[in-house]
Amino acid sequence: MLAGFGRIANGCATEQVVVAARSPGFGDVSLHETRMIDGVSRMRGVERLPVAPAGEAVLQPGGLHLMLMQPTAAVEEGGQVVLVLVLADGREVPATLTVRTSAP
């Protein structure tokens, strides 16, 4: 299991909502959020990620992130993870993450 971090930018004039993600390199990709609740770190799945017009969502350690599970092959530092972000209106947006051994 790996975590995916980065920025999802919305260059549109309207809000866009990410509802799913997938990758040919992983059997399962899901959006999660880590929050501190009563002094305990809790992680939960996120079903919808709204991204404001001309805004961005930041995926980072301790907050929103992608969970990348069931890799189909070994990943190595400097390699690329190809993703597809699925929007609420059905459109699919390609994305790429660079593999790093430490969080950004």
PDB file of N, CA and C in Angstrom:
ATOM      1  N   MET A   1       0.848  -1.172   0.000  1.00  0.00           N
ATOM      2  CA  MET A   1       0.000   0.000   0.000  1.00  0.00           C
ATOM      3  C   MET A   1       0.896   1.239   0.000  1.00  0.00           C
ATOM      4  N   LEU A   2       0.569   2.165  -0.898  1.00  0.00           N
ATOM      5  CA  LEU A   2       1.315   3.413  -1.011  1.00  0.00           C
ATOM      6  C   LEU A   2       0.344   4.581  -0.914  1.00  0.00           C
ATOM      7  N   ALA A   3       0.880   5.765  -0.647  1.00  0.00           N
ATOM      8  CA  ALA A   3       0.061   6.979  -0.605  1.00  0.00           C
ATOM      9  C   ALA A   3       0.461   7.882  -1.758  1.00  0.00           C
ATOM     10  N   GLY A   4      -0.532   8.568  -2.330  1.00  0.00           N
ATOM     11  CA  GLY A   4      -0.290   9.496  -3.431  1.00  0.00           C
ATOM     12  C   GLY A   4      -0.568  10.919  -2.994  1.00  0.00           C
ATOM     13  N   PHE A   5       0.401  11.794  -3.251  1.00  0.00           N
ATOM     14  CA  PHE A   5       0.287  13.207  -2.891  1.00  0.00           C
ATOM     15  C   PHE A   5       0.468  14.062  -4.134  1.00  0.00           C
ATOM     16  N   GLY A   6      -0.089  15.244  -4.120  1.00  0.00           N
ATOM     17  CA  GLY A   6       0.078  16.173  -5.233  1.00  0.00           C
ATOM     18  C   GLY A   6      -0.992  17.248  -5.198  1.00  0.00           C
ATOM     19  N   ARG A   7      -1.178  17.898  -6.329  1.00  0.00           N
ATOM     20  CA  ARG A   7      -2.176  18.955  -6.459  1.00  0.00           C
ATOM     21  C   ARG A   7      -3.107  18.615  -7.616  1.00  0.00           C
ATOM     22  N   ILE A   8      -4.396  18.813  -7.366  1.00  0.00           N
ATOM     23  CA  ILE A   8      -5.390  18.661  -8.423  1.00  0.00           C
ATOM     24  C   ILE A   8      -5.888  20.062  -8.723  1.00  0.00           C
ATOM     25  N   ALA A   9      -5.518  20.582  -9.879  1.00  0.00           N
ATOM     26  CA  ALA A   9      -5.884  21.950 -10.262  1.00  0.00           C
ATOM     27  C   ALA A   9      -7.128  21.938 -11.137  1.00  0.00           C
ATOM     28  N   ASN A  10      -7.984  22.915 -10.910  1.00  0.00           N
ATOM     29  CA  ASN A  10      -9.194  23.078 -11.723  1.00  0.00           C
ATOM     30  C   ASN A  10      -9.052  24.365 -12.516  1.00  0.00           C
ATOM     31  N   GLY A  11      -8.812  24.251 -13.802  1.00  0.00           N
ATOM     32  CA  GLY A  11      -8.692  25.420 -14.670  1.00  0.00           C
ATOM     33  C   GLY A  11     -10.013  25.860 -15.269  1.00  0.00           C
ATOM     34  N   CYS A  12     -11.098  25.254 -14.820  1.00  0.00           N
ATOM     35  CA  CYS A  12     -12.432  25.564 -15.362  1.00  0.00           C
ATOM     36  C   CYS A  12     -13.076  26.730 -14.606  1.00  0.00           C
ATOM     37  N   ALA A  13     -14.113  27.287 -15.203  1.00  0.00           N
ATOM     38  CA  ALA A  13     -14.865  28.383 -14.579  1.00  0.00           C
ATOM     39  C   ALA A  13     -15.944  27.858 -13.640  1.00  0.00           C
ATOM     40  N   THR A  14     -16.101  26.526 -13.568  1.00  0.00           N
ATOM     41  CA  THR A  14     -17.096  25.928 -12.682  1.00  0.00           C
ATOM     42  C   THR A  14     -16.427  24.910 -11.770  1.00  0.00           C
ATOM     43  N   GLU A  15     -17.064  24.640 -10.640  1.00  0.00           N
ATOM     44  CA  GLU A  15     -16.558  23.631  -9.718  1.00  0.00           C
ATOM     45  C   GLU A  15     -16.517  22.273 -10.408  1.00  0.00           C
ATOM     46  N   GLN A  16     -15.479  21.522 -10.138  1.00  0.00           N
ATOM     47  CA  GLN A  16     -15.362  20.155 -10.623  1.00  0.00           C
ATOM     48  C   GLN A  16     -15.270  19.250  -9.401  1.00  0.00           C
ATOM     49  N   VAL A  17     -15.848  18.056  -9.495  1.00  0.00           N
ATOM     50  CA  VAL A  17     -15.877  17.145  -8.355  1.00  0.00           C
ATOM     51  C   VAL A  17     -15.266  15.811  -8.759  1.00  0.00           C
ATOM     52  N   VAL A  18     -14.195  15.419  -8.071  1.00  0.00           N
ATOM     53  CA  VAL A  18     -13.560  14.126  -8.295  1.00  0.00           C
ATOM     54  C   VAL A  18     -14.334  13.097  -7.480  1.00  0.00           C
ATOM     55  N   VAL A  19     -14.797  12.030  -8.149  1.00  0.00           N
ATOM     56  CA  VAL A  19     -15.584  11.006  -7.454  1.00  0.00           C
ATOM     57  C   VAL A  19     -14.891   9.642  -7.426  1.00  0.00           C
ATOM     58  N   ALA A  20     -13.821   9.481  -8.188  1.00  0.00           N
ATOM     59  CA  ALA A  20     -13.106   8.210  -8.205  1.00  0.00           C
ATOM     60  C   ALA A  20     -11.742   8.410  -8.860  1.00  0.00           C
ATOM     61  N   ALA A  21     -10.892   7.424  -8.653  1.00  0.00           N
ATOM     62  CA  ALA A  21      -9.583   7.405  -9.304  1.00  0.00           C
ATOM     63  C   ALA A  21      -9.233   5.947  -9.579  1.00  0.00           C
ATOM     64  N   ARG A  22      -8.446   5.738 -10.613  1.00  0.00           N
ATOM     65  CA  ARG A  22      -7.976   4.389 -10.915  1.00  0.00           C
ATOM     66  C   ARG A  22      -6.595   4.485 -11.562  1.00  0.00           C
ATOM     67  N   SER A  23      -5.917   3.345 -11.581  1.00  0.00           N
ATOM     68  CA  SER A  23      -4.591   3.281 -12.179  1.00  0.00           C
ATOM     69  C   SER A  23      -4.366   1.879 -12.720  1.00  0.00           C
ATOM     70  N   PRO A  24      -3.770   1.773 -13.913  1.00  0.00           N
ATOM     71  CA  PRO A  24      -3.445   0.436 -14.417  1.00  0.00           C
ATOM     72  C   PRO A  24      -2.365  -0.243 -13.571  1.00  0.00           C
ATOM     73  N   GLY A  25      -1.651   0.523 -12.763  1.00  0.00           N
ATOM     74  CA  GLY A  25      -0.578  -0.022 -11.940  1.00  0.00           C
ATOM     75  C   GLY A  25      -1.016  -0.497 -10.567  1.00  0.00           C
ATOM     76  N   PHE A  26      -2.314  -0.310 -10.231  1.00  0.00           N
ATOM     77  CA  PHE A  26      -2.798  -0.692  -8.910  1.00  0.00           C
ATOM     78  C   PHE A  26      -4.188  -1.298  -9.024  1.00  0.00           C
ATOM     79  N   GLY A  27      -4.452  -2.315  -8.219  1.00  0.00           N
ATOM     80  CA  GLY A  27      -5.752  -2.954  -8.229  1.00  0.00           C
ATOM     81  C   GLY A  27      -6.838  -2.092  -7.619  1.00  0.00           C
ATOM     82  N   ASP A  28      -6.452  -1.183  -6.728  1.00  0.00           N
ATOM     83  CA  ASP A  28      -7.433  -0.317  -6.081  1.00  0.00           C
ATOM     84  C   ASP A  28      -6.801   1.044  -5.789  1.00  0.00           C
ATOM     85  N   VAL A  29      -7.517   2.095  -6.133  1.00  0.00           N
ATOM     86  CA  VAL A  29      -7.098   3.466  -5.831  1.00  0.00           C
ATOM     87  C   VAL A  29      -8.300   4.164  -5.214  1.00  0.00           C
ATOM     88  N   SER A  30      -8.092   4.800  -4.056  1.00  0.00           N
ATOM     89  CA  SER A  30      -9.200   5.503  -3.416  1.00  0.00           C
ATOM     90  C   SER A  30      -8.696   6.783  -2.765  1.00  0.00           C
ATOM     91  N   LEU A  31      -9.606   7.706  -2.605  1.00  0.00           N
ATOM     92  CA  LEU A  31      -9.306   8.989  -1.987  1.00  0.00           C
ATOM     93  C   LEU A  31      -9.619   8.887  -0.498  1.00  0.00           C
ATOM     94  N   HIS A  32      -8.670   9.319   0.336  1.00  0.00           N
ATOM     95  CA  HIS A  32      -8.836   9.281   1.784  1.00  0.00           C
ATOM     96  C   HIS A  32      -8.461  10.622   2.395  1.00  0.00           C
ATOM     97  N   GLU A  33      -8.867  10.789   3.635  1.00  0.00           N
ATOM     98  CA  GLU A  33      -8.499  11.976   4.405  1.00  0.00           C
ATOM     99  C   GLU A  33      -8.118  11.538   5.812  1.00  0.00           C
ATOM    100  N   THR A  34      -7.023  12.101   6.301  1.00  0.00           N
ATOM    101  CA  THR A  34      -6.602  11.868   7.673  1.00  0.00           C
ATOM    102  C   THR A  34      -6.954  13.106   8.479  1.00  0.00           C
ATOM    103  N   ARG A  35      -7.579  12.886   9.646  1.00  0.00           N
ATOM    104  CA  ARG A  35      -7.947  13.984  10.544  1.00  0.00           C
ATOM    105  C   ARG A  35      -7.604  13.601  11.976  1.00  0.00           C
ATOM    106  N   MET A  36      -7.282  14.596  12.771  1.00  0.00           N
ATOM    107  CA  MET A  36      -7.102  14.395  14.203  1.00  0.00           C
ATOM    108  C   MET A  36      -8.452  14.593  14.877  1.00  0.00           C
ATOM    109  N   ILE A  37      -8.931  13.571  15.571  1.00  0.00           N
ATOM    110  CA  ILE A  37     -10.204  13.633  16.288  1.00  0.00           C
ATOM    111  C   ILE A  37      -9.932  13.203  17.729  1.00  0.00           C
ATOM    112  N   ASP A  38     -10.152  14.132  18.657  1.00  0.00           N
ATOM    113  CA  ASP A  38      -9.892  13.871  20.076  1.00  0.00           C
ATOM    114  C   ASP A  38      -8.469  13.366  20.300  1.00  0.00           C
ATOM    115  N   GLY A  39      -7.525  13.947  19.594  1.00  0.00           N
ATOM    116  CA  GLY A  39      -6.124  13.598  19.757  1.00  0.00           C
ATOM    117  C   GLY A  39      -5.702  12.308  19.084  1.00  0.00           C
ATOM    118  N   VAL A  40      -6.601  11.691  18.309  1.00  0.00           N
ATOM    119  CA  VAL A  40      -6.293  10.432  17.626  1.00  0.00           C
ATOM    120  C   VAL A  40      -6.387  10.652  16.123  1.00  0.00           C
ATOM    121  N   SER A  41      -5.365  10.197  15.405  1.00  0.00           N
ATOM    122  CA  SER A  41      -5.365  10.311  13.950  1.00  0.00           C
ATOM    123  C   SER A  41      -6.315   9.278  13.366  1.00  0.00           C
ATOM    124  N   ARG A  42      -7.276   9.733  12.570  1.00  0.00           N
ATOM    125  CA  ARG A  42      -8.273   8.851  11.958  1.00  0.00           C
ATOM    126  C   ARG A  42      -8.267   9.054  10.447  1.00  0.00           C
ATOM    127  N   MET A  43      -8.380   7.940   9.720  1.00  0.00           N
ATOM    128  CA  MET A  43      -8.432   8.019   8.271  1.00  0.00           C
ATOM    129  C   MET A  43      -9.799   7.518   7.811  1.00  0.00           C
ATOM    130  N   ARG A  44     -10.361   8.214   6.830  1.00  0.00           N
ATOM    131  CA  ARG A  44     -11.656   7.801   6.290  1.00  0.00           C
ATOM    132  C   ARG A  44     -11.647   8.004   4.780  1.00  0.00           C
ATOM    133  N   GLY A  45     -12.466   7.223   4.108  1.00  0.00           N
ATOM    134  CA  GLY A  45     -12.619   7.380   2.671  1.00  0.00           C
ATOM    135  C   GLY A  45     -13.382   8.649   2.351  1.00  0.00           C
ATOM    136  N   VAL A  46     -13.067   9.252   1.213  1.00  0.00           N
ATOM    137  CA  VAL A  46     -13.745  10.464   0.742  1.00  0.00           C
ATOM    138  C   VAL A  46     -14.440  10.107  -0.565  1.00  0.00           C
ATOM    139  N   GLU A  47     -15.757  10.285  -0.606  1.00  0.00           N
ATOM    140  CA  GLU A  47     -16.517   9.909  -1.803  1.00  0.00           C
ATOM    141  C   GLU A  47     -16.525  10.998  -2.868  1.00  0.00           C
ATOM    142  N   ARG A  48     -16.436  12.265  -2.455  1.00  0.00           N
ATOM    143  CA  ARG A  48     -16.486  13.391  -3.393  1.00  0.00           C
ATOM    144  C   ARG A  48     -15.461  14.425  -2.968  1.00  0.00           C
ATOM    145  N   LEU A  49     -14.669  14.884  -3.933  1.00  0.00           N
ATOM    146  CA  LEU A  49     -13.688  15.936  -3.674  1.00  0.00           C
ATOM    147  C   LEU A  49     -13.994  17.119  -4.583  1.00  0.00           C
ATOM    148  N   PRO A  50     -14.722  18.119  -4.065  1.00  0.00           N
ATOM    149  CA  PRO A  50     -14.994  19.308  -4.872  1.00  0.00           C
ATOM    150  C   PRO A  50     -13.721  20.146  -5.028  1.00  0.00           C
ATOM    151  N   VAL A  51     -13.512  20.650  -6.233  1.00  0.00           N
ATOM    152  CA  VAL A  51     -12.382  21.547  -6.490  1.00  0.00           C
ATOM    153  C   VAL A  51     -12.976  22.828  -7.068  1.00  0.00           C
ATOM    154  N   ALA A  52     -12.767  23.934  -6.362  1.00  0.00           N
ATOM    155  CA  ALA A  52     -13.371  25.219  -6.711  1.00  0.00           C
ATOM    156  C   ALA A  52     -12.917  25.698  -8.086  1.00  0.00           C
ATOM    157  N   PRO A  53     -13.740  26.537  -8.737  1.00  0.00           N
ATOM    158  CA  PRO A  53     -13.342  27.114 -10.028  1.00  0.00           C
ATOM    159  C   PRO A  53     -11.995  27.835  -9.892  1.00  0.00           C
ATOM    160  N   ALA A  54     -11.103  27.568 -10.819  1.00  0.00           N
ATOM    161  CA  ALA A  54      -9.755  28.152 -10.818  1.00  0.00           C
ATOM    162  C   ALA A  54      -9.019  27.874  -9.513  1.00  0.00           C
ATOM    163  N   GLY A  55      -9.413  26.805  -8.796  1.00  0.00           N
ATOM    164  CA  GLY A  55      -8.783  26.451  -7.520  1.00  0.00           C
ATOM    165  C   GLY A  55      -8.026  25.151  -7.616  1.00  0.00           C
ATOM    166  N   GLU A  56      -7.648  24.646  -6.461  1.00  0.00           N
ATOM    167  CA  GLU A  56      -6.935  23.383  -6.419  1.00  0.00           C
ATOM    168  C   GLU A  56      -7.203  22.663  -5.108  1.00  0.00           C
ATOM    169  N   ALA A  57      -7.040  21.363  -5.139  1.00  0.00           N
ATOM    170  CA  ALA A  57      -7.083  20.530  -3.942  1.00  0.00           C
ATOM    171  C   ALA A  57      -5.664  20.015  -3.734  1.00  0.00           C
ATOM    172  N   VAL A  58      -5.181  20.102  -2.514  1.00  0.00           N
ATOM    173  CA  VAL A  58      -3.825  19.665  -2.204  1.00  0.00           C
ATOM    174  C   VAL A  58      -3.897  18.327  -1.478  1.00  0.00           C
ATOM    175  N   LEU A  59      -3.234  17.334  -2.022  1.00  0.00           N
ATOM    176  CA  LEU A  59      -3.135  16.016  -1.403  1.00  0.00           C
ATOM    177  C   LEU A  59      -1.774  15.954  -0.740  1.00  0.00           C
ATOM    178  N   GLN A  60      -1.777  15.780   0.595  1.00  0.00           N
ATOM    179  CA  GLN A  60      -0.522  15.864   1.343  1.00  0.00           C
ATOM    180  C   GLN A  60      -0.568  14.965   2.574  1.00  0.00           C
ATOM    181  N   PRO A  61       0.588  14.623   3.129  1.00  0.00           N
ATOM    182  CA  PRO A  61       0.615  13.808   4.345  1.00  0.00           C
ATOM    183  C   PRO A  61      -0.192  14.486   5.457  1.00  0.00           C
ATOM    184  N   GLY A  62      -0.958  13.687   6.178  1.00  0.00           N
ATOM    185  CA  GLY A  62      -1.749  14.216   7.276  1.00  0.00           C
ATOM    186  C   GLY A  62      -3.044  14.866   6.846  1.00  0.00           C
ATOM    187  N   GLY A  63      -3.414  14.757   5.575  1.00  0.00           N
ATOM    188  CA  GLY A  63      -4.637  15.371   5.051  1.00  0.00           C
ATOM    189  C   GLY A  63      -5.223  14.497   3.971  1.00  0.00           C
ATOM    190  N   LEU A  64      -5.695  15.130   2.914  1.00  0.00           N
ATOM    191  CA  LEU A  64      -6.207  14.384   1.759  1.00  0.00           C
ATOM    192  C   LEU A  64      -5.063  13.647   1.077  1.00  0.00           C
ATOM    193  N   HIS A  65      -5.331  12.435   0.611  1.00  0.00           N
ATOM    194  CA  HIS A  65      -4.322  11.667  -0.119  1.00  0.00           C
ATOM    195  C   HIS A  65      -4.994  10.537  -0.882  1.00  0.00           C
ATOM    196  N   LEU A  66      -4.276   9.985  -1.829  1.00  0.00           N
ATOM    197  CA  LEU A  66      -4.729   8.801  -2.542  1.00  0.00           C
ATOM    198  C   LEU A  66      -4.125   7.570  -1.877  1.00  0.00           C
ATOM    199  N   MET A  67      -4.924   6.540  -1.698  1.00  0.00           N
ATOM    200  CA  MET A  67      -4.420   5.247  -1.246  1.00  0.00           C
ATOM    201  C   MET A  67      -4.267   4.385  -2.496  1.00  0.00           C
ATOM    202  N   LEU A  68      -3.059   3.915  -2.733  1.00  0.00           N
ATOM    203  CA  LEU A  68      -2.735   3.106  -3.909  1.00  0.00           C
ATOM    204  C   LEU A  68      -2.454   1.687  -3.412  1.00  0.00           C
ATOM    205  N   MET A  69      -3.383   0.775  -3.675  1.00  0.00           N
ATOM    206  CA  MET A  69      -3.282  -0.571  -3.118  1.00  0.00           C
ATOM    207  C   MET A  69      -3.205  -1.616  -4.218  1.00  0.00           C
ATOM    208  N   GLN A  70      -2.644  -2.746  -3.875  1.00  0.00           N
ATOM    209  CA  GLN A  70      -2.521  -3.890  -4.773  1.00  0.00           C
ATOM    210  C   GLN A  70      -1.738  -3.538  -6.041  1.00  0.00           C
ATOM    211  N   PRO A  71      -0.459  -3.159  -5.898  1.00  0.00           N
ATOM    212  CA  PRO A  71       0.335  -2.834  -7.093  1.00  0.00           C
ATOM    213  C   PRO A  71       0.453  -4.051  -8.016  1.00  0.00           C
ATOM    214  N   THR A  72       0.431  -3.789  -9.307  1.00  0.00           N
ATOM    215  CA  THR A  72       0.563  -4.870 -10.281  1.00  0.00           C
ATOM    216  C   THR A  72       2.025  -5.142 -10.624  1.00  0.00           C
ATOM    217  N   ALA A  73       2.912  -4.224 -10.232  1.00  0.00           N
ATOM    218  CA  ALA A  73       4.349  -4.374 -10.452  1.00  0.00           C
ATOM    219  C   ALA A  73       5.072  -3.524  -9.414  1.00  0.00           C
ATOM    220  N   ALA A  74       6.348  -3.805  -9.224  1.00  0.00           N
ATOM    221  CA  ALA A  74       7.144  -3.012  -8.283  1.00  0.00           C
ATOM    222  C   ALA A  74       7.243  -1.570  -8.776  1.00  0.00           C
ATOM    223  N   VAL A  75       7.229  -0.639  -7.843  1.00  0.00           N
ATOM    224  CA  VAL A  75       7.430   0.763  -8.190  1.00  0.00           C
ATOM    225  C   VAL A  75       8.783   1.189  -7.652  1.00  0.00           C
ATOM    226  N   GLU A  76       9.471   2.006  -8.412  1.00  0.00           N
ATOM    227  CA  GLU A  76      10.803   2.438  -8.017  1.00  0.00           C
ATOM    228  C   GLU A  76      10.881   3.950  -8.032  1.00  0.00           C
ATOM    229  N   GLU A  77      11.705   4.487  -7.149  1.00  0.00           N
ATOM    230  CA  GLU A  77      11.863   5.933  -7.065  1.00  0.00           C
ATOM    231  C   GLU A  77      12.190   6.506  -8.439  1.00  0.00           C
ATOM    232  N   GLY A  78      11.508   7.609  -8.761  1.00  0.00           N
ATOM    233  CA  GLY A  78      11.694   8.255 -10.047  1.00  0.00           C
ATOM    234  C   GLY A  78      10.745   7.740 -11.119  1.00  0.00           C
ATOM    235  N   GLY A  79      10.098   6.610 -10.858  1.00  0.00           N
ATOM    236  CA  GLY A  79       9.138   6.066 -11.817  1.00  0.00           C
ATOM    237  C   GLY A  79       7.851   6.887 -11.840  1.00  0.00           C
ATOM    238  N   GLN A  80       6.984   6.537 -12.748  1.00  0.00           N
ATOM    239  CA  GLN A  80       5.728   7.263 -12.912  1.00  0.00           C
ATOM    240  C   GLN A  80       4.549   6.343 -12.599  1.00  0.00           C
ATOM    241  N   VAL A  81       3.545   6.897 -11.924  1.00  0.00           N
ATOM    242  CA  VAL A  81       2.283   6.206 -11.688  1.00  0.00           C
ATOM    243  C   VAL A  81       1.230   6.937 -12.507  1.00  0.00           C
ATOM    244  N   VAL A  82       0.643   6.239 -13.448  1.00  0.00           N
ATOM    245  CA  VAL A  82      -0.396   6.809 -14.300  1.00  0.00           C
ATOM    246  C   VAL A  82      -1.736   6.641 -13.590  1.00  0.00           C
ATOM    247  N   LEU A  83      -2.501   7.731 -13.543  1.00  0.00           N
ATOM    248  CA  LEU A  83      -3.814   7.733 -12.901  1.00  0.00           C
ATOM    249  C   LEU A  83      -4.870   8.260 -13.858  1.00  0.00           C
ATOM    250  N   VAL A  84      -6.105   7.941 -13.548  1.00  0.00           N
ATOM    251  CA  VAL A  84      -7.254   8.566 -14.191  1.00  0.00           C
ATOM    252  C   VAL A  84      -8.153   9.060 -13.069  1.00  0.00           C
ATOM    253  N   LEU A  85      -8.471  10.354 -13.071  1.00  0.00           N
ATOM    254  CA  LEU A  85      -9.411  10.927 -12.112  1.00  0.00           C
ATOM    255  C   LEU A  85     -10.767  10.985 -12.793  1.00  0.00           C
ATOM    256  N   VAL A  86     -11.783  10.471 -12.130  1.00  0.00           N
ATOM    257  CA  VAL A  86     -13.135  10.441 -12.682  1.00  0.00           C
ATOM    258  C   VAL A  86     -13.935  11.563 -12.035  1.00  0.00           C
ATOM    259  N   LEU A  87     -14.538  12.407 -12.871  1.00  0.00           N
ATOM    260  CA  LEU A  87     -15.327  13.531 -12.381  1.00  0.00           C
ATOM    261  C   LEU A  87     -16.796  13.143 -12.262  1.00  0.00           C
ATOM    262  N   ALA A  88     -17.537  13.906 -11.468  1.00  0.00           N
ATOM    263  CA  ALA A  88     -18.951  13.625 -11.220  1.00  0.00           C
ATOM    264  C   ALA A  88     -19.778  13.605 -12.501  1.00  0.00           C
ATOM    265  N   ASP A  89     -19.368  14.373 -13.506  1.00  0.00           N
ATOM    266  CA  ASP A  89     -20.126  14.405 -14.761  1.00  0.00           C
ATOM    267  C   ASP A  89     -19.729  13.284 -15.724  1.00  0.00           C
ATOM    268  N   GLY A  90     -18.855  12.380 -15.262  1.00  0.00           N
ATOM    269  CA  GLY A  90     -18.446  11.238 -16.071  1.00  0.00           C
ATOM    270  C   GLY A  90     -17.160  11.428 -16.845  1.00  0.00           C
ATOM    271  N   ARG A  91     -16.683  12.668 -16.954  1.00  0.00           N
ATOM    272  CA  ARG A  91     -15.419  12.884 -17.675  1.00  0.00           C
ATOM    273  C   ARG A  91     -14.274  12.236 -16.909  1.00  0.00           C
ATOM    274  N   GLU A  92     -13.226  11.882 -17.640  1.00  0.00           N
ATOM    275  CA  GLU A  92     -12.039  11.281 -17.062  1.00  0.00           C
ATOM    276  C   GLU A  92     -10.832  12.147 -17.399  1.00  0.00           C
ATOM    277  N   VAL A  93     -10.017  12.402 -16.387  1.00  0.00           N
ATOM    278  CA  VAL A  93      -8.868  13.286 -16.538  1.00  0.00           C
ATOM    279  C   VAL A  93      -7.597  12.492 -16.237  1.00  0.00           C
ATOM    280  N   PRO A  94      -6.646  12.448 -17.182  1.00  0.00           N
ATOM    281  CA  PRO A  94      -5.395  11.728 -16.918  1.00  0.00           C
ATOM    282  C   PRO A  94      -4.510  12.512 -15.955  1.00  0.00           C
ATOM    283  N   ALA A  95      -3.758  11.783 -15.163  1.00  0.00           N
ATOM    284  CA  ALA A  95      -2.824  12.404 -14.214  1.00  0.00           C
ATOM    285  C   ALA A  95      -1.629  11.475 -14.046  1.00  0.00           C
ATOM    286  N   THR A  96      -0.529  12.028 -13.579  1.00  0.00           N
ATOM    287  CA  THR A  96       0.675  11.244 -13.338  1.00  0.00           C
ATOM    288  C   THR A  96       1.306  11.679 -12.026  1.00  0.00           C
ATOM    289  N   LEU A  97       1.758  10.697 -11.250  1.00  0.00           N
ATOM    290  CA  LEU A  97       2.514  10.956 -10.036  1.00  0.00           C
ATOM    291  C   LEU A  97       3.922  10.421 -10.233  1.00  0.00           C
ATOM    292  N   THR A  98       4.898  11.110  -9.657  1.00  0.00           N
ATOM    293  CA  THR A  98       6.277  10.633  -9.666  1.00  0.00           C
ATOM    294  C   THR A  98       6.546   9.905  -8.352  1.00  0.00           C
ATOM    295  N   VAL A  99       7.108   8.706  -8.428  1.00  0.00           N
ATOM    296  CA  VAL A  99       7.366   7.907  -7.235  1.00  0.00           C
ATOM    297  C   VAL A  99       8.546   8.510  -6.479  1.00  0.00           C
ATOM    298  N   ARG A 100       8.310   8.703  -5.170  1.00  0.00           N
ATOM    299  CA  ARG A 100       9.349   9.218  -4.271  1.00  0.00           C
ATOM    300  C   ARG A 100       9.372   8.329  -3.044  1.00  0.00           C
ATOM    301  N   THR A 101      10.534   8.216  -2.418  1.00  0.00           N
ATOM    302  CA  THR A 101      10.624   7.401  -1.211  1.00  0.00           C
ATOM    303  C   THR A 101      10.291   8.195   0.045  1.00  0.00           C
ATOM    304  N   SER A 102      10.188   9.503  -0.084  1.00  0.00           N
ATOM    305  CA  SER A 102       9.797  10.336   1.053  1.00  0.00           C
ATOM    306  C   SER A 102       8.674  11.273   0.612  1.00  0.00           C
ATOM    307  N   ALA A 103       7.849  11.678   1.578  1.00  0.00           N
ATOM    308  CA  ALA A 103       6.737  12.566   1.277  1.00  0.00           C
ATOM    309  C   ALA A 103       7.264  13.937   0.877  1.00  0.00           C
ATOM    310  N   PRO A 104       6.511  14.638   0.022  1.00  0.00           N
ATOM    311  CA  PRO A 104       6.955  15.982  -0.394  1.00  0.00           C
ATOM    312  C   PRO A 104       6.928  16.960   0.768  1.00  0.00           C
TER     313      PRO A 104
END
